[in-house]
Amino acid sequence: MSEKTVRGRPRRRAATRPDQGSHRRAGTAALVRLLAAVAVIAAASAVLLLGDGSAAHAAQPGAVLAADSIQAVVNNIRTWLVAILAAVATLFLTIGGLRLMWANGDPGEAEKGKAALKSAAIGYALALLSPLIVTVVAGWVK
C-alpha cells in the first residue's frame, strides 16, 4: 500500500469577536437608560407622595391633633394608602426592570422580571383606584 498525502484545506480563521469597547458602550448606554427611567419614576413618586404639601404645616402649640370627623380620618387613610401603594409599586418596577436587564438570556430570570413588572402595574392600578375604594368603604361605615 502506498501512502498518499492529501493536502487538506487551509484552516479557517476564527471569526473575530466584536470589539470589547463597543460591548462596554452598549452596556453603559443601557445602564444610563435604566438610571434615567429610575430617576423619572422616583420624581413622579415624590410628586405623588408629597402632593400639594398642605399637610406639611405643623400644628399650632397647644392644639389637639385628633381628627375632627370621620371624613378627616378617611382622607388620611386615603392619602397613606396611595403613598404606600405607589412606593411599593415603584420598588417592584425597579426590581422587575433590573431582573429583565440582568437576565442575560435566562428564561427563568426573565419571567421573574416580567412577573415583577406585572405586580408593579397592579400596584399602580390599586394606587389610582384606592380613593374610590376608600370612599366605597366609608359609605358602608356610615
N, C-alpha and C. Protein backbone atom coordinates (compact mmCIF):
# COMPACT_ATOMS: atom_id res chain seq x y z
N MET A 1 0.82 -1.18 0.00
CA MET A 1 0.00 0.00 0.00
C MET A 1 0.86 1.24 0.00
N SER A 2 0.47 2.09 -0.79
CA SER A 2 1.22 3.34 -0.83
C SER A 2 0.50 4.38 0.01
N GLU A 3 1.30 5.15 0.66
CA GLU A 3 0.73 6.20 1.47
C GLU A 3 0.57 7.46 0.67
N LYS A 4 -0.61 7.95 0.71
CA LYS A 4 -0.91 9.17 -0.02
C LYS A 4 -1.02 10.33 0.96
N THR A 5 -0.43 11.37 0.66
CA THR A 5 -0.63 12.56 1.47
C THR A 5 -1.64 13.44 0.77
N VAL A 6 -2.64 13.72 1.49
CA VAL A 6 -3.68 14.59 0.94
C VAL A 6 -3.56 15.94 1.60
N ARG A 7 -3.44 16.88 0.74
CA ARG A 7 -3.34 18.24 1.28
C ARG A 7 -4.73 18.70 1.64
N GLY A 8 -4.89 19.02 2.87
CA GLY A 8 -6.21 19.47 3.35
C GLY A 8 -6.43 20.95 3.07
N ARG A 9 -7.59 21.34 3.33
CA ARG A 9 -7.92 22.76 3.17
C ARG A 9 -7.20 23.58 4.22
N PRO A 10 -6.88 24.78 3.87
CA PRO A 10 -6.25 25.61 4.90
C PRO A 10 -7.27 25.92 6.00
N ARG A 11 -6.75 26.03 7.18
CA ARG A 11 -7.63 26.30 8.31
C ARG A 11 -8.27 27.67 8.16
N ARG A 12 -9.51 27.70 8.56
CA ARG A 12 -10.21 28.98 8.55
C ARG A 12 -9.80 29.78 9.76
N ARG A 13 -9.80 31.04 9.57
CA ARG A 13 -9.53 31.91 10.71
C ARG A 13 -10.78 31.99 11.57
N ALA A 14 -10.57 32.05 12.81
CA ALA A 14 -11.72 32.17 13.71
C ALA A 14 -12.39 33.52 13.46
N ALA A 15 -13.69 33.51 13.54
CA ALA A 15 -14.44 34.76 13.35
C ALA A 15 -14.03 35.74 14.43
N THR A 16 -13.83 36.94 14.03
CA THR A 16 -13.39 37.93 15.00
C THR A 16 -14.55 38.33 15.88
N ARG A 17 -14.25 38.50 17.14
CA ARG A 17 -15.28 38.92 18.10
C ARG A 17 -15.50 40.41 17.97
N PRO A 18 -16.69 40.85 18.36
CA PRO A 18 -16.91 42.29 18.34
C PRO A 18 -15.95 42.98 19.30
N ASP A 19 -15.68 44.17 19.01
CA ASP A 19 -14.76 44.94 19.83
C ASP A 19 -15.29 45.04 21.25
N GLN A 20 -14.42 44.82 22.21
CA GLN A 20 -14.84 44.90 23.61
C GLN A 20 -15.32 46.30 23.95
N GLY A 21 -14.77 47.30 23.36
CA GLY A 21 -15.18 48.67 23.64
C GLY A 21 -16.62 48.93 23.24
N SER A 22 -17.05 48.39 22.09
CA SER A 22 -18.43 48.61 21.68
C SER A 22 -19.38 47.86 22.60
N HIS A 23 -18.96 46.70 23.11
CA HIS A 23 -19.80 45.95 24.04
C HIS A 23 -19.98 46.74 25.33
N ARG A 24 -18.90 47.32 25.80
CA ARG A 24 -18.98 48.12 27.02
C ARG A 24 -19.83 49.36 26.80
N ARG A 25 -19.71 49.96 25.62
CA ARG A 25 -20.53 51.15 25.35
C ARG A 25 -22.01 50.79 25.33
N ALA A 26 -22.36 49.64 24.79
CA ALA A 26 -23.76 49.22 24.76
C ALA A 26 -24.26 48.98 26.19
N GLY A 27 -23.45 48.36 27.02
CA GLY A 27 -23.84 48.13 28.41
C GLY A 27 -23.97 49.43 29.17
N THR A 28 -23.08 50.38 28.90
CA THR A 28 -23.14 51.67 29.56
C THR A 28 -24.38 52.43 29.12
N ALA A 29 -24.72 52.35 27.84
CA ALA A 29 -25.91 53.04 27.34
C ALA A 29 -27.17 52.46 27.99
N ALA A 30 -27.22 51.14 28.15
CA ALA A 30 -28.37 50.52 28.80
C ALA A 30 -28.45 50.95 30.25
N LEU A 31 -27.31 51.05 30.91
CA LEU A 31 -27.30 51.48 32.31
C LEU A 31 -27.76 52.92 32.43
N VAL A 32 -27.34 53.77 31.52
CA VAL A 32 -27.76 55.18 31.54
C VAL A 32 -29.26 55.28 31.33
N ARG A 33 -29.79 54.49 30.38
CA ARG A 33 -31.24 54.50 30.14
C ARG A 33 -32.00 54.02 31.38
N LEU A 34 -31.49 52.98 32.04
CA LEU A 34 -32.13 52.48 33.24
C LEU A 34 -32.11 53.52 34.35
N LEU A 35 -30.97 54.17 34.54
CA LEU A 35 -30.88 55.19 35.57
C LEU A 35 -31.79 56.37 35.28
N ALA A 36 -31.93 56.74 34.01
CA ALA A 36 -32.84 57.82 33.65
C ALA A 36 -34.28 57.42 33.94
N ALA A 37 -34.64 56.18 33.63
CA ALA A 37 -36.00 55.72 33.91
C ALA A 37 -36.27 55.69 35.41
N VAL A 38 -35.30 55.22 36.19
CA VAL A 38 -35.47 55.19 37.65
C VAL A 38 -35.59 56.61 38.20
N ALA A 39 -34.84 57.56 37.65
CA ALA A 39 -34.93 58.94 38.11
C ALA A 39 -36.30 59.54 37.81
N VAL A 40 -36.83 59.26 36.63
CA VAL A 40 -38.16 59.77 36.28
C VAL A 40 -39.22 59.15 37.19
N ILE A 41 -39.11 57.86 37.44
CA ILE A 41 -40.08 57.19 38.31
C ILE A 41 -39.97 57.72 39.74
N ALA A 42 -38.76 57.95 40.21
CA ALA A 42 -38.58 58.49 41.55
C ALA A 42 -39.16 59.89 41.66
N ALA A 43 -38.97 60.70 40.63
CA ALA A 43 -39.54 62.06 40.66
C ALA A 43 -41.06 62.01 40.64
N ALA A 44 -41.63 61.13 39.82
CA ALA A 44 -43.09 61.00 39.78
C ALA A 44 -43.63 60.50 41.11
N SER A 45 -42.92 59.58 41.73
CA SER A 45 -43.34 59.06 43.03
C SER A 45 -43.27 60.15 44.10
N ALA A 46 -42.21 60.96 44.04
CA ALA A 46 -42.09 62.04 45.02
C ALA A 46 -43.23 63.04 44.88
N VAL A 47 -43.61 63.36 43.65
CA VAL A 47 -44.72 64.28 43.43
C VAL A 47 -46.01 63.66 43.95
N LEU A 48 -46.20 62.36 43.69
CA LEU A 48 -47.40 61.68 44.14
C LEU A 48 -47.45 61.59 45.66
N LEU A 49 -46.30 61.28 46.26
CA LEU A 49 -46.27 61.12 47.71
C LEU A 49 -46.38 62.45 48.46
N LEU A 50 -45.76 63.47 47.93
CA LEU A 50 -45.76 64.76 48.63
C LEU A 50 -47.04 65.54 48.38
N GLY A 51 -47.67 65.33 47.26
CA GLY A 51 -48.93 66.02 46.97
C GLY A 51 -48.73 67.52 46.91
N ASP A 52 -49.69 68.23 47.44
CA ASP A 52 -49.62 69.69 47.40
C ASP A 52 -48.92 70.28 48.62
N GLY A 53 -48.58 69.46 49.59
CA GLY A 53 -47.84 69.95 50.74
C GLY A 53 -48.70 70.59 51.81
N SER A 54 -50.03 70.50 51.71
CA SER A 54 -50.88 71.15 52.69
C SER A 54 -50.79 70.48 54.06
N ALA A 55 -50.45 69.19 54.10
CA ALA A 55 -50.33 68.50 55.37
C ALA A 55 -48.97 68.70 56.02
N ALA A 56 -48.10 69.45 55.38
CA ALA A 56 -46.74 69.61 55.89
C ALA A 56 -46.64 70.70 56.96
N HIS A 57 -47.69 71.47 57.16
CA HIS A 57 -47.63 72.53 58.16
C HIS A 57 -47.76 71.94 59.55
N ALA A 58 -46.98 72.45 60.46
CA ALA A 58 -47.01 71.96 61.84
C ALA A 58 -48.23 72.53 62.56
N ALA A 59 -48.71 71.78 63.54
CA ALA A 59 -49.86 72.23 64.32
C ALA A 59 -49.44 73.38 65.23
N GLN A 60 -50.39 74.21 65.58
CA GLN A 60 -50.13 75.32 66.49
C GLN A 60 -49.87 74.76 67.88
N PRO A 61 -49.06 75.43 68.68
CA PRO A 61 -48.79 74.94 70.04
C PRO A 61 -50.09 74.88 70.84
N GLY A 62 -50.29 73.79 71.55
CA GLY A 62 -51.49 73.63 72.36
C GLY A 62 -52.66 73.05 71.58
N ALA A 63 -52.52 72.84 70.29
CA ALA A 63 -53.61 72.30 69.50
C ALA A 63 -53.70 70.79 69.69
N VAL A 64 -54.92 70.29 69.70
CA VAL A 64 -55.14 68.86 69.82
C VAL A 64 -55.03 68.25 68.42
N LEU A 65 -54.29 67.17 68.28
CA LEU A 65 -54.04 66.58 66.97
C LEU A 65 -55.00 65.44 66.66
N ALA A 66 -56.20 65.48 67.20
CA ALA A 66 -57.20 64.46 66.91
C ALA A 66 -57.99 64.86 65.66
N ALA A 67 -58.54 63.87 64.98
CA ALA A 67 -59.34 64.14 63.79
C ALA A 67 -60.69 64.71 64.23
N ASP A 68 -61.18 65.67 63.47
CA ASP A 68 -62.44 66.33 63.80
C ASP A 68 -63.64 65.47 63.39
N SER A 69 -63.50 64.71 62.33
CA SER A 69 -64.64 63.94 61.84
C SER A 69 -64.16 62.65 61.21
N ILE A 70 -65.11 61.81 60.90
CA ILE A 70 -64.76 60.56 60.22
C ILE A 70 -64.24 60.84 58.83
N GLN A 71 -64.71 61.94 58.24
CA GLN A 71 -64.24 62.32 56.90
C GLN A 71 -62.74 62.64 56.91
N ALA A 72 -62.25 63.27 57.97
CA ALA A 72 -60.82 63.56 58.08
C ALA A 72 -60.01 62.27 58.20
N VAL A 73 -60.54 61.31 58.95
CA VAL A 73 -59.86 60.03 59.10
C VAL A 73 -59.81 59.30 57.75
N VAL A 74 -60.92 59.32 57.02
CA VAL A 74 -60.99 58.66 55.72
C VAL A 74 -60.00 59.32 54.75
N ASN A 75 -59.92 60.64 54.77
CA ASN A 75 -58.96 61.34 53.89
C ASN A 75 -57.53 60.98 54.24
N ASN A 76 -57.23 60.87 55.53
CA ASN A 76 -55.87 60.49 55.94
C ASN A 76 -55.55 59.05 55.50
N ILE A 77 -56.51 58.16 55.66
CA ILE A 77 -56.30 56.77 55.23
C ILE A 77 -56.08 56.72 53.72
N ARG A 78 -56.85 57.48 52.97
CA ARG A 78 -56.72 57.52 51.52
C ARG A 78 -55.32 58.01 51.12
N THR A 79 -54.86 59.06 51.75
CA THR A 79 -53.54 59.61 51.44
C THR A 79 -52.44 58.59 51.73
N TRP A 80 -52.49 57.95 52.90
CA TRP A 80 -51.48 56.97 53.27
C TRP A 80 -51.53 55.76 52.36
N LEU A 81 -52.72 55.33 52.00
CA LEU A 81 -52.86 54.17 51.13
C LEU A 81 -52.27 54.41 49.75
N VAL A 82 -52.55 55.58 49.19
CA VAL A 82 -51.98 55.92 47.88
C VAL A 82 -50.46 55.97 47.97
N ALA A 83 -49.94 56.58 49.02
CA ALA A 83 -48.49 56.72 49.15
C ALA A 83 -47.80 55.37 49.30
N ILE A 84 -48.35 54.50 50.13
CA ILE A 84 -47.73 53.19 50.34
C ILE A 84 -47.80 52.34 49.08
N LEU A 85 -48.96 52.34 48.42
CA LEU A 85 -49.10 51.54 47.20
C LEU A 85 -48.18 52.04 46.09
N ALA A 86 -48.05 53.35 45.96
CA ALA A 86 -47.16 53.89 44.92
C ALA A 86 -45.70 53.56 45.23
N ALA A 87 -45.32 53.62 46.49
CA ALA A 87 -43.94 53.30 46.86
C ALA A 87 -43.61 51.83 46.60
N VAL A 88 -44.52 50.94 46.97
CA VAL A 88 -44.28 49.52 46.75
C VAL A 88 -44.28 49.19 45.26
N ALA A 89 -45.20 49.82 44.51
CA ALA A 89 -45.23 49.58 43.06
C ALA A 89 -43.95 50.07 42.40
N THR A 90 -43.42 51.19 42.85
CA THR A 90 -42.16 51.70 42.31
C THR A 90 -41.01 50.75 42.63
N LEU A 91 -41.02 50.18 43.82
CA LEU A 91 -39.99 49.20 44.18
C LEU A 91 -40.07 47.98 43.26
N PHE A 92 -41.28 47.47 43.02
CA PHE A 92 -41.43 46.31 42.14
C PHE A 92 -41.05 46.66 40.71
N LEU A 93 -41.36 47.87 40.27
CA LEU A 93 -40.98 48.28 38.92
C LEU A 93 -39.46 48.30 38.78
N THR A 94 -38.78 48.80 39.78
CA THR A 94 -37.32 48.84 39.74
C THR A 94 -36.72 47.44 39.75
N ILE A 95 -37.23 46.59 40.63
CA ILE A 95 -36.72 45.22 40.71
C ILE A 95 -36.98 44.47 39.42
N GLY A 96 -38.18 44.62 38.86
CA GLY A 96 -38.50 43.95 37.61
C GLY A 96 -37.63 44.40 36.46
N GLY A 97 -37.38 45.71 36.38
CA GLY A 97 -36.50 46.22 35.33
C GLY A 97 -35.08 45.72 35.46
N LEU A 98 -34.58 45.68 36.68
CA LEU A 98 -33.22 45.17 36.90
C LEU A 98 -33.13 43.68 36.58
N ARG A 99 -34.14 42.92 36.96
CA ARG A 99 -34.11 41.48 36.66
C ARG A 99 -34.14 41.23 35.16
N LEU A 100 -34.97 41.99 34.44
CA LEU A 100 -35.00 41.83 32.99
C LEU A 100 -33.68 42.22 32.36
N MET A 101 -33.08 43.28 32.86
CA MET A 101 -31.82 43.75 32.29
C MET A 101 -30.70 42.74 32.54
N TRP A 102 -30.69 42.13 33.70
CA TRP A 102 -29.62 41.22 34.07
C TRP A 102 -29.96 39.75 33.78
N ALA A 103 -31.05 39.49 33.07
CA ALA A 103 -31.45 38.11 32.79
C ALA A 103 -30.43 37.41 31.91
N ASN A 104 -29.82 38.13 30.98
CA ASN A 104 -28.78 37.56 30.11
C ASN A 104 -29.25 36.33 29.35
N GLY A 105 -30.48 36.33 28.91
CA GLY A 105 -30.99 35.21 28.14
C GLY A 105 -31.53 34.08 28.98
N ASP A 106 -31.48 34.18 30.29
CA ASP A 106 -32.02 33.13 31.17
C ASP A 106 -33.54 33.29 31.22
N PRO A 107 -34.29 32.32 30.68
CA PRO A 107 -35.74 32.48 30.63
C PRO A 107 -36.39 32.54 32.01
N GLY A 108 -35.86 31.81 32.97
CA GLY A 108 -36.43 31.83 34.32
C GLY A 108 -36.33 33.20 34.96
N GLU A 109 -35.17 33.80 34.82
CA GLU A 109 -34.96 35.13 35.41
C GLU A 109 -35.78 36.18 34.66
N ALA A 110 -35.91 36.03 33.34
CA ALA A 110 -36.72 36.97 32.57
C ALA A 110 -38.19 36.87 32.98
N GLU A 111 -38.67 35.67 33.26
CA GLU A 111 -40.07 35.50 33.71
C GLU A 111 -40.27 36.14 35.08
N LYS A 112 -39.27 36.03 35.96
CA LYS A 112 -39.37 36.68 37.27
C LYS A 112 -39.43 38.19 37.11
N GLY A 113 -38.65 38.73 36.19
CA GLY A 113 -38.68 40.16 35.93
C GLY A 113 -40.03 40.60 35.38
N LYS A 114 -40.58 39.81 34.45
CA LYS A 114 -41.90 40.15 33.90
C LYS A 114 -42.98 40.07 34.97
N ALA A 115 -42.88 39.10 35.86
CA ALA A 115 -43.85 38.98 36.95
C ALA A 115 -43.77 40.19 37.88
N ALA A 116 -42.57 40.65 38.14
CA ALA A 116 -42.41 41.84 38.99
C ALA A 116 -42.98 43.08 38.31
N LEU A 117 -42.82 43.19 36.99
CA LEU A 117 -43.40 44.32 36.27
C LEU A 117 -44.93 44.26 36.28
N LYS A 118 -45.48 43.04 36.17
CA LYS A 118 -46.94 42.90 36.28
C LYS A 118 -47.43 43.31 37.66
N SER A 119 -46.69 42.92 38.69
CA SER A 119 -47.05 43.31 40.06
C SER A 119 -46.99 44.82 40.22
N ALA A 120 -46.01 45.45 39.59
CA ALA A 120 -45.92 46.91 39.66
C ALA A 120 -47.12 47.55 38.98
N ALA A 121 -47.54 47.01 37.85
CA ALA A 121 -48.71 47.57 37.16
C ALA A 121 -49.96 47.43 38.02
N ILE A 122 -50.11 46.29 38.67
CA ILE A 122 -51.26 46.09 39.56
C ILE A 122 -51.19 47.07 40.74
N GLY A 123 -49.99 47.28 41.28
CA GLY A 123 -49.83 48.22 42.39
C GLY A 123 -50.19 49.65 41.99
N TYR A 124 -49.75 50.08 40.80
CA TYR A 124 -50.11 51.42 40.34
C TYR A 124 -51.61 51.53 40.10
N ALA A 125 -52.24 50.47 39.57
CA ALA A 125 -53.69 50.50 39.36
C ALA A 125 -54.42 50.61 40.69
N LEU A 126 -53.96 49.86 41.69
CA LEU A 126 -54.58 49.96 43.02
C LEU A 126 -54.36 51.34 43.64
N ALA A 127 -53.19 51.92 43.41
CA ALA A 127 -52.92 53.26 43.94
C ALA A 127 -53.87 54.27 43.31
N LEU A 128 -54.14 54.10 42.01
CA LEU A 128 -55.07 55.03 41.36
C LEU A 128 -56.51 54.79 41.80
N LEU A 129 -56.86 53.54 42.09
CA LEU A 129 -58.22 53.22 42.48
C LEU A 129 -58.47 53.30 43.99
N SER A 130 -57.44 53.46 44.80
CA SER A 130 -57.62 53.44 46.25
C SER A 130 -58.54 54.56 46.76
N PRO A 131 -58.52 55.77 46.19
CA PRO A 131 -59.51 56.75 46.68
C PRO A 131 -60.94 56.28 46.48
N LEU A 132 -61.21 55.64 45.36
CA LEU A 132 -62.56 55.12 45.11
C LEU A 132 -62.89 54.00 46.08
N ILE A 133 -61.93 53.12 46.34
CA ILE A 133 -62.16 52.00 47.26
C ILE A 133 -62.43 52.52 48.67
N VAL A 134 -61.64 53.49 49.12
CA VAL A 134 -61.83 54.04 50.47
C VAL A 134 -63.17 54.76 50.57
N THR A 135 -63.59 55.46 49.52
CA THR A 135 -64.88 56.14 49.53
C THR A 135 -66.02 55.13 49.63
N VAL A 136 -65.93 54.02 48.91
CA VAL A 136 -66.97 52.98 48.97
C VAL A 136 -67.02 52.39 50.37
N VAL A 137 -65.87 52.08 50.95
CA VAL A 137 -65.84 51.50 52.29
C VAL A 137 -66.37 52.51 53.31
N ALA A 138 -66.05 53.79 53.15
CA ALA A 138 -66.56 54.82 54.05
C ALA A 138 -68.08 54.93 53.94
N GLY A 139 -68.63 54.72 52.75
CA GLY A 139 -70.08 54.71 52.57
C GLY A 139 -70.73 53.56 53.31
N TRP A 140 -70.07 52.42 53.40
CA TRP A 140 -70.61 51.29 54.14
C TRP A 140 -70.60 51.56 55.64
N VAL A 141 -69.60 52.31 56.11
CA VAL A 141 -69.45 52.55 57.55
C VAL A 141 -70.53 53.51 58.05
N LYS A 142 -70.92 54.46 57.23
CA LYS A 142 -71.90 55.48 57.67
C LYS A 142 -73.22 54.91 58.01
